[in-house]
Amino acid sequence: MRDIPNKSIDCIITDPPYGIDYQSTRGSDKTKWKLKIANDKSPYTIWIDEAFRVLKNKAGLFCFTRWDIEQEFRKSFTKSNFICKQQIIWDKEIHSMGDLFGDFASQHENIIFATKGRFIFKGKRPKSVIRTQRVFYKKLLHPNEKPIDLIIKLIEAITVPGDVVLDLFAGSGTTGVACINTKRNYILIEKEEKYYKIAQDRLSKEDKKNTYWNHEFSKMKEK
């Protein structure tokens, strides 16, 4: 992020580590467990100051989070001079597993909408609940992968074609795919080599299906 110029980004959409030490699997066979999410021991907020620096004035940011740690992110956004405007609810239509006997079946995810200064929608005012089905577990390229149509709805809500979208925790590259399909430019950053390569391959294939795209795919280096 330090290489990104000041006030050069039109929109940030990202899904940082929540601090739950997440590891995904299906069934009890630990040999099939996916990689743990890096930096997931506590809510990962160290990036927020830099996000404010690179975002243009009067632009917006979407940050996926979870109900029980959302306040930690909100505090960090406010400390970095973002304005926390709203909580958006993603209705996944299909619930997850969790405690089958002592908890409500979880079917939604929280998204913080924060802005740098006064934000004005460029088009129709969107609603705060987005209903789109989550990625079927057998098709997941990343344990926390978001559906493309969800990211498209967020992108189209606050940007126009040609804008630059930044995703700091890019995973398998879904934000890039959504940008290609909506004629937005993008910068993606991903730490894990496995998902970096998956995203490269995915975006290359998507490029062949589209006549418009311009991207910069950056690999975050360990200090």
Protein backbone atom coordinates (compact mmCIF):
# COMPACT_ATOMS: atom_id res chain seq x y z
CA MET A 1 0.00 0.00 0.00
CA ARG A 2 2.91 2.35 0.63
CA ASP A 3 3.56 2.38 -3.13
CA ILE A 4 0.03 3.60 -3.91
CA PRO A 5 -0.19 7.39 -4.41
CA ASN A 6 -2.24 9.59 -2.09
CA LYS A 7 -5.92 10.01 -2.98
CA SER A 8 -5.71 7.76 -6.05
CA ILE A 9 -8.36 5.13 -5.19
CA ASP A 10 -12.08 5.55 -5.89
CA CYS A 11 -13.32 2.64 -3.77
CA ILE A 12 -11.98 0.04 -1.34
CA ILE A 13 -13.68 -3.34 -0.95
CA THR A 14 -11.97 -5.78 1.35
CA ASP A 15 -12.45 -8.72 3.70
CA PRO A 16 -9.69 -8.56 6.36
CA PRO A 17 -8.94 -11.17 9.04
CA TYR A 18 -11.57 -10.90 11.79
CA GLY A 19 -9.49 -12.29 14.65
CA ILE A 20 -11.21 -15.67 15.00
CA ASP A 21 -8.28 -17.89 13.94
CA TYR A 22 -10.44 -19.28 11.15
CA GLN A 23 -9.78 -22.58 9.44
CA SER A 24 -12.24 -24.15 7.04
CA THR A 25 -12.97 -27.82 6.39
CA ARG A 26 -15.80 -30.18 5.53
CA GLY A 27 -16.20 -33.22 7.71
CA SER A 28 -13.67 -34.41 10.28
CA ASP A 29 -10.76 -35.32 8.00
CA LYS A 30 -8.03 -32.83 8.98
CA THR A 31 -6.01 -33.68 5.87
CA LYS A 32 -8.64 -31.75 3.90
CA TRP A 33 -8.44 -28.63 6.05
CA LYS A 34 -7.67 -25.45 4.12
CA LEU A 35 -4.92 -22.98 5.04
CA LYS A 36 -5.57 -20.91 8.13
CA ILE A 37 -6.18 -17.23 7.44
CA ALA A 38 -2.97 -15.28 8.10
CA ASN A 39 -2.90 -12.58 10.81
CA ASP A 40 -6.19 -13.87 12.21
CA LYS A 41 -5.35 -13.96 15.93
CA SER A 42 -7.04 -10.61 16.53
CA PRO A 43 -9.07 -8.10 14.44
CA TYR A 44 -6.55 -6.95 11.82
CA THR A 45 -6.86 -3.17 11.56
CA ILE A 46 -3.28 -2.01 10.92
CA TRP A 47 -4.13 -1.22 7.28
CA ILE A 48 -6.82 1.37 7.97
CA ASP A 49 -4.60 4.48 8.24
CA GLU A 50 -3.05 3.70 4.85
CA ALA A 51 -6.50 3.03 3.40
CA PHE A 52 -7.54 6.54 4.39
CA ARG A 53 -4.43 8.01 2.77
CA VAL A 54 -4.90 6.33 -0.63
CA LEU A 55 -8.67 6.82 -0.86
CA LYS A 56 -9.93 9.89 -2.68
CA ASN A 57 -11.91 12.53 -0.82
CA LYS A 58 -15.68 11.89 -0.80
CA ALA A 59 -15.09 8.21 -1.70
CA GLY A 60 -16.26 5.06 0.07
CA LEU A 61 -15.01 1.84 1.63
CA PHE A 62 -16.70 -1.52 2.24
CA CYS A 63 -15.26 -3.78 4.93
CA PHE A 64 -16.66 -7.24 5.61
CA THR A 65 -16.81 -8.09 9.30
CA ARG A 66 -18.72 -10.08 11.90
CA TRP A 67 -21.31 -8.93 14.43
CA ASP A 68 -19.18 -9.73 17.51
CA ILE A 69 -16.07 -7.81 16.44
CA GLU A 70 -17.63 -5.15 14.20
CA GLN A 71 -17.21 -2.50 16.91
CA GLU A 72 -13.43 -3.00 16.93
CA PHE A 73 -13.28 -2.15 13.24
CA ARG A 74 -15.65 0.79 13.67
CA LYS A 75 -13.42 2.26 16.39
CA SER A 76 -10.36 1.95 14.15
CA PHE A 77 -12.15 3.54 11.19
CA THR A 78 -13.26 6.48 13.32
CA LYS A 79 -9.77 6.89 14.78
CA SER A 80 -8.39 7.11 11.22
CA ASN A 81 -10.94 9.86 10.36
CA PHE A 82 -13.31 7.70 8.34
CA ILE A 83 -17.03 8.31 8.79
CA CYS A 84 -18.85 5.05 9.55
CA LYS A 85 -22.07 5.61 7.65
CA GLN A 86 -23.95 2.34 7.80
CA GLN A 87 -24.07 -1.37 8.41
CA ILE A 88 -24.96 -3.33 5.29
CA ILE A 89 -26.39 -6.81 5.66
CA TRP A 90 -25.53 -9.53 3.18
CA ASP A 91 -28.33 -12.12 3.25
CA LYS A 92 -26.69 -15.34 2.05
CA GLU A 93 -30.09 -17.04 1.51
CA ILE A 94 -28.59 -20.32 2.80
CA HIS A 95 -27.55 -20.61 6.45
CA SER A 96 -24.25 -21.98 7.72
CA MET A 97 -23.69 -24.77 10.26
CA GLY A 98 -22.40 -23.57 13.67
CA ASP A 99 -24.05 -24.73 16.93
CA LEU A 100 -26.89 -26.86 15.58
CA PHE A 101 -28.70 -27.14 18.91
CA GLY A 102 -27.99 -23.91 20.81
CA ASP A 103 -27.77 -21.07 18.31
CA PHE A 104 -29.79 -19.46 15.55
CA ALA A 105 -28.82 -20.64 12.07
CA SER A 106 -26.55 -17.87 10.78
CA GLN A 107 -27.58 -16.62 7.33
CA HIS A 108 -26.08 -13.15 7.09
CA GLU A 109 -22.81 -11.27 7.17
CA ASN A 110 -22.11 -7.67 8.15
CA ILE A 111 -20.44 -5.08 5.92
CA ILE A 112 -19.28 -1.69 7.21
CA PHE A 113 -19.77 1.21 4.82
CA ALA A 114 -17.38 4.04 5.68
CA THR A 115 -16.52 7.21 3.77
CA LYS A 116 -13.73 9.75 3.54
CA GLY A 117 -15.67 12.97 3.94
CA ARG A 118 -19.13 13.63 2.56
CA PHE A 119 -20.14 10.92 0.10
CA ILE A 120 -22.89 11.31 -2.51
CA PHE A 121 -24.25 8.35 -4.48
CA LYS A 122 -23.55 8.57 -8.19
CA GLY A 123 -26.74 6.72 -9.10
CA LYS A 124 -29.85 5.28 -7.46
CA ARG A 125 -29.76 5.01 -3.68
CA PRO A 126 -29.13 1.31 -2.85
CA LYS A 127 -30.80 -0.62 -0.05
CA SER A 128 -28.96 -1.76 3.08
CA VAL A 129 -29.85 -5.46 2.66
CA ILE A 130 -28.31 -7.37 -0.27
CA ARG A 131 -29.68 -10.82 -1.00
CA THR A 132 -27.44 -13.11 -2.99
CA GLN A 133 -26.57 -16.74 -2.44
CA ARG A 134 -23.17 -17.59 -1.01
CA VAL A 135 -20.68 -19.63 -3.03
CA PHE A 136 -21.47 -23.35 -2.84
CA TYR A 137 -18.83 -24.99 -0.65
CA LYS A 138 -17.72 -27.46 -3.34
CA LYS A 139 -16.92 -24.54 -5.65
CA LEU A 140 -14.94 -22.46 -3.15
CA LEU A 141 -11.47 -21.37 -4.27
CA HIS A 142 -10.90 -19.66 -0.91
CA PRO A 143 -12.52 -20.49 2.46
CA ASN A 144 -13.98 -16.96 2.81
CA GLU A 145 -14.77 -16.40 -0.87
CA LYS A 146 -17.55 -13.96 -1.64
CA PRO A 147 -19.93 -14.32 -4.63
CA ILE A 148 -19.11 -12.21 -7.66
CA ASP A 149 -22.60 -10.71 -7.92
CA LEU A 150 -22.37 -9.41 -4.32
CA ILE A 151 -19.12 -7.57 -5.07
CA ILE A 152 -20.58 -6.26 -8.32
CA LYS A 153 -23.54 -4.75 -6.43
CA LEU A 154 -21.18 -3.00 -4.01
CA ILE A 155 -18.94 -1.72 -6.81
CA GLU A 156 -21.82 -0.40 -8.91
CA ALA A 157 -23.39 1.30 -5.87
CA ILE A 158 -20.56 3.83 -5.39
CA THR A 159 -18.37 3.87 -8.52
CA VAL A 160 -18.61 4.40 -12.27
CA PRO A 161 -16.80 2.62 -15.15
CA GLY A 162 -13.13 3.54 -15.25
CA ASP A 163 -12.82 4.06 -11.48
CA VAL A 164 -10.07 2.31 -9.52
CA VAL A 165 -11.08 -0.27 -6.89
CA LEU A 166 -8.62 -1.55 -4.28
CA ASP A 167 -8.84 -4.87 -2.42
CA LEU A 168 -6.17 -5.31 0.27
CA PHE A 169 -6.98 -8.93 1.12
CA ALA A 170 -7.77 -10.21 -2.34
CA GLY A 171 -7.95 -13.96 -1.69
CA SER A 172 -8.86 -15.73 -4.91
CA GLY A 173 -9.39 -12.47 -6.82
CA THR A 174 -13.17 -12.10 -6.75
CA THR A 175 -12.99 -8.30 -6.59
CA GLY A 176 -10.83 -8.28 -9.72
CA VAL A 177 -13.30 -10.50 -11.57
CA ALA A 178 -16.14 -8.18 -10.53
CA CYS A 179 -14.18 -5.17 -11.77
CA ILE A 180 -13.48 -6.78 -15.14
CA ASN A 181 -17.20 -7.42 -15.56
CA THR A 182 -18.16 -3.86 -14.63
CA LYS A 183 -15.39 -2.04 -16.54
CA ARG A 184 -13.58 -0.83 -13.41
CA ASN A 185 -9.82 -0.79 -12.93
CA TYR A 186 -8.42 -2.53 -9.89
CA ILE A 187 -5.46 -3.12 -7.61
CA LEU A 188 -5.35 -6.38 -5.67
CA ILE A 189 -2.99 -7.33 -2.83
CA GLU A 190 -2.71 -10.89 -1.50
CA LYS A 191 -0.24 -12.33 1.01
CA GLU A 192 -0.69 -16.09 0.56
CA GLU A 193 1.22 -17.55 -2.42
CA LYS A 194 -1.44 -20.21 -3.02
CA TYR A 195 -4.29 -17.75 -3.42
CA TYR A 196 -2.12 -15.26 -5.28
CA LYS A 197 -1.55 -17.89 -7.99
CA ILE A 198 -5.23 -18.90 -8.01
CA ALA A 199 -6.20 -15.26 -8.51
CA GLN A 200 -3.69 -14.77 -11.32
CA ASP A 201 -5.06 -17.79 -13.17
CA ARG A 202 -8.65 -16.77 -12.55
CA LEU A 203 -8.13 -13.21 -13.78
CA SER A 204 -6.23 -14.40 -16.84
CA LYS A 205 -9.17 -16.61 -17.82
CA GLU A 206 -11.62 -13.79 -17.18
CA ASP A 207 -9.54 -11.50 -19.37
CA LYS A 208 -10.05 -13.81 -22.33
CA LYS A 209 -13.83 -13.44 -21.97
CA ASN A 210 -13.78 -9.63 -21.83
CA THR A 211 -12.58 -6.92 -24.19
CA TYR A 212 -11.99 -4.34 -21.44
CA TRP A 213 -9.79 -4.51 -18.38
CA ASN A 214 -6.75 -2.89 -16.85
CA HIS A 215 -5.21 -4.23 -13.68
CA GLU A 216 -2.29 -4.12 -11.37
CA PHE A 217 -1.92 -7.23 -9.24
CA SER A 218 0.48 -6.69 -6.34
CA LYS A 219 1.91 -9.28 -3.98
CA MET A 220 2.33 -8.09 -0.41
CA LYS A 221 5.85 -8.79 0.82
CA GLU A 222 6.75 -9.71 4.36
CA LYS A 223 8.81 -7.10 6.22
